[in-house]
Amino acid sequence: QVHLVESGGGSVRTGGSLRLSCAASGSTLSGHSMGWFRQAPGKEREFVAAISWSGATENYAESLKGRFTISRTNAKTTHLQMDSLKPEDTAVYYCAADLTYLRILRLEADYWGQGTQVTVSS
């Protein structure tokens, strides 16, 4: 059983930065790709970024390129650096893990965290 726990959320002003972290506990995540997603109130969950097991492949939502950066410290930890934040970035941010990278891109994953709230005020 794998448990994913997000941290680093909070409230910032427009233009500020936050660094989210996702740590896995339980079984190993060997071979798993990881991703970040977000869901704003009243909206569907949307893809933010993904990183492959090796870290060699990354994908971002087109609208977030240049402001958000995904990274991977080790097999069990991923981070999302968010810069130049805007009020429209306000959402609950989730991390997820799956053996298949393409499933992450399709918002499908075997393991999900509980989410961390990010609020950006103007």
Protein backbone atom coordinates (compact mmCIF):
# COMPACT_ATOMS: atom_id res chain seq x y z
CA GLN A 1 0.00 0.00 0.00
CA VAL A 2 1.30 3.43 -0.94
CA HIS A 3 0.34 6.65 0.78
CA LEU A 4 1.10 9.99 -0.81
CA VAL A 5 1.19 13.10 1.35
CA GLU A 6 1.37 16.60 -0.09
CA SER A 7 2.77 19.57 1.79
CA GLY A 8 3.80 23.16 1.16
CA GLY A 9 0.46 24.68 0.30
CA GLY A 10 -0.64 27.99 1.73
CA SER A 11 -1.72 31.52 0.94
CA VAL A 12 0.36 33.94 -1.11
CA ARG A 13 -0.09 37.20 -2.97
CA THR A 14 -0.10 37.50 -6.72
CA GLY A 15 3.43 37.11 -8.02
CA GLY A 16 4.54 35.01 -5.09
CA SER A 17 5.99 31.51 -5.08
CA LEU A 18 5.29 28.22 -3.36
CA ARG A 19 7.05 24.88 -3.44
CA LEU A 20 4.86 21.84 -3.00
CA SER A 21 6.24 18.49 -1.97
CA CYS A 22 4.81 15.02 -2.22
CA ALA A 23 6.26 12.22 -0.15
CA ALA A 24 5.35 8.57 -0.44
CA SER A 25 5.29 6.10 2.39
CA GLY A 26 4.57 2.41 2.48
CA SER A 27 5.54 0.29 -0.47
CA THR A 28 8.26 1.39 -2.84
CA LEU A 29 7.39 3.52 -5.83
CA SER A 30 10.04 1.88 -7.93
CA GLY A 31 9.29 2.43 -11.59
CA HIS A 32 6.43 4.84 -10.93
CA SER A 33 5.94 8.12 -12.71
CA MET A 34 4.53 10.96 -10.63
CA GLY A 35 2.35 13.90 -11.42
CA TRP A 36 0.62 16.97 -10.05
CA PHE A 37 -2.98 17.94 -10.63
CA ARG A 38 -5.26 20.65 -9.34
CA GLN A 39 -8.93 21.26 -8.82
CA ALA A 40 -10.45 24.66 -8.32
CA PRO A 41 -13.89 25.10 -6.73
CA GLY A 42 -16.63 24.17 -9.16
CA LYS A 43 -14.18 22.96 -11.80
CA GLU A 44 -12.90 19.63 -13.06
CA ARG A 45 -9.57 18.29 -11.90
CA GLU A 46 -6.87 19.29 -14.38
CA PHE A 47 -3.39 18.12 -15.21
CA VAL A 48 -0.51 20.32 -14.03
CA ALA A 49 2.75 18.44 -14.58
CA ALA A 50 4.25 14.97 -14.77
CA ILE A 51 7.70 13.46 -14.39
CA SER A 52 8.86 10.01 -15.39
CA TRP A 53 10.47 7.47 -13.09
CA SER A 54 13.94 8.38 -14.33
CA GLY A 55 13.25 12.10 -14.30
CA ALA A 56 14.26 12.29 -17.93
CA THR A 57 10.77 13.12 -19.20
CA GLU A 58 8.57 15.98 -18.05
CA ASN A 59 5.28 17.36 -19.29
CA TYR A 60 3.39 20.48 -18.32
CA ALA A 61 -0.01 21.92 -18.94
CA GLU A 62 0.56 24.36 -21.78
CA SER A 63 -0.76 27.32 -19.82
CA LEU A 64 1.64 26.68 -16.93
CA LYS A 65 4.89 26.28 -18.84
CA GLY A 66 7.53 28.70 -17.65
CA ARG A 67 5.94 29.26 -14.26
CA PHE A 68 5.74 25.76 -12.79
CA THR A 69 8.60 23.27 -12.52
CA ILE A 70 8.33 19.64 -11.48
CA SER A 71 11.28 17.79 -10.02
CA ARG A 72 12.04 14.53 -8.36
CA THR A 73 14.37 14.12 -5.42
CA ASN A 74 14.27 10.35 -5.27
CA ALA A 75 11.94 7.44 -5.86
CA LYS A 76 9.50 8.62 -3.22
CA THR A 77 9.54 12.41 -3.38
CA THR A 78 8.45 14.90 -6.00
CA HIS A 79 8.21 18.70 -5.86
CA LEU A 80 6.31 21.37 -7.73
CA GLN A 81 7.92 24.80 -7.78
CA MET A 82 5.28 27.42 -8.55
CA ASP A 83 6.42 30.94 -9.43
CA SER A 84 4.63 34.11 -10.52
CA LEU A 85 1.44 32.80 -9.00
CA LYS A 86 -1.90 34.22 -10.10
CA PRO A 87 -5.33 34.17 -8.45
CA GLU A 88 -6.46 31.64 -11.07
CA ASP A 89 -3.88 29.20 -9.67
CA THR A 90 -6.00 28.93 -6.53
CA ALA A 91 -6.95 25.27 -6.15
CA VAL A 92 -6.38 22.09 -4.22
CA TYR A 93 -3.21 20.50 -5.59
CA TYR A 94 -2.86 16.73 -5.66
CA CYS A 95 0.04 14.46 -6.42
CA ALA A 96 -0.33 11.02 -7.91
CA ALA A 97 1.80 8.06 -8.92
CA ASP A 98 1.42 5.31 -11.50
CA LEU A 99 3.59 2.78 -13.28
CA THR A 100 2.44 4.08 -16.66
CA TYR A 101 3.47 7.62 -17.61
CA LEU A 102 0.69 8.02 -20.15
CA ARG A 103 -1.91 7.28 -17.50
CA ILE A 104 -0.61 10.24 -15.50
CA LEU A 105 -1.11 12.45 -18.56
CA ARG A 106 -4.68 11.16 -18.80
CA LEU A 107 -5.36 12.04 -15.14
CA GLU A 108 -5.39 8.38 -14.26
CA ALA A 109 -3.25 6.95 -11.47
CA ASP A 110 -3.19 4.12 -9.00
CA TYR A 111 -2.20 6.31 -6.07
CA TRP A 112 -3.42 9.76 -5.06
CA GLY A 113 -2.66 12.10 -2.20
CA GLN A 114 -5.28 13.98 -0.20
CA GLY A 115 -4.34 17.35 -1.62
CA THR A 116 -2.98 20.63 -0.32
CA GLN A 117 -4.71 23.99 -0.64
CA VAL A 118 -3.06 26.82 -2.55
CA THR A 119 -4.68 30.23 -2.36
CA VAL A 120 -3.41 33.21 -4.34
CA SER A 121 -4.86 36.60 -3.52
CA SER A 122 -4.64 39.77 -5.56
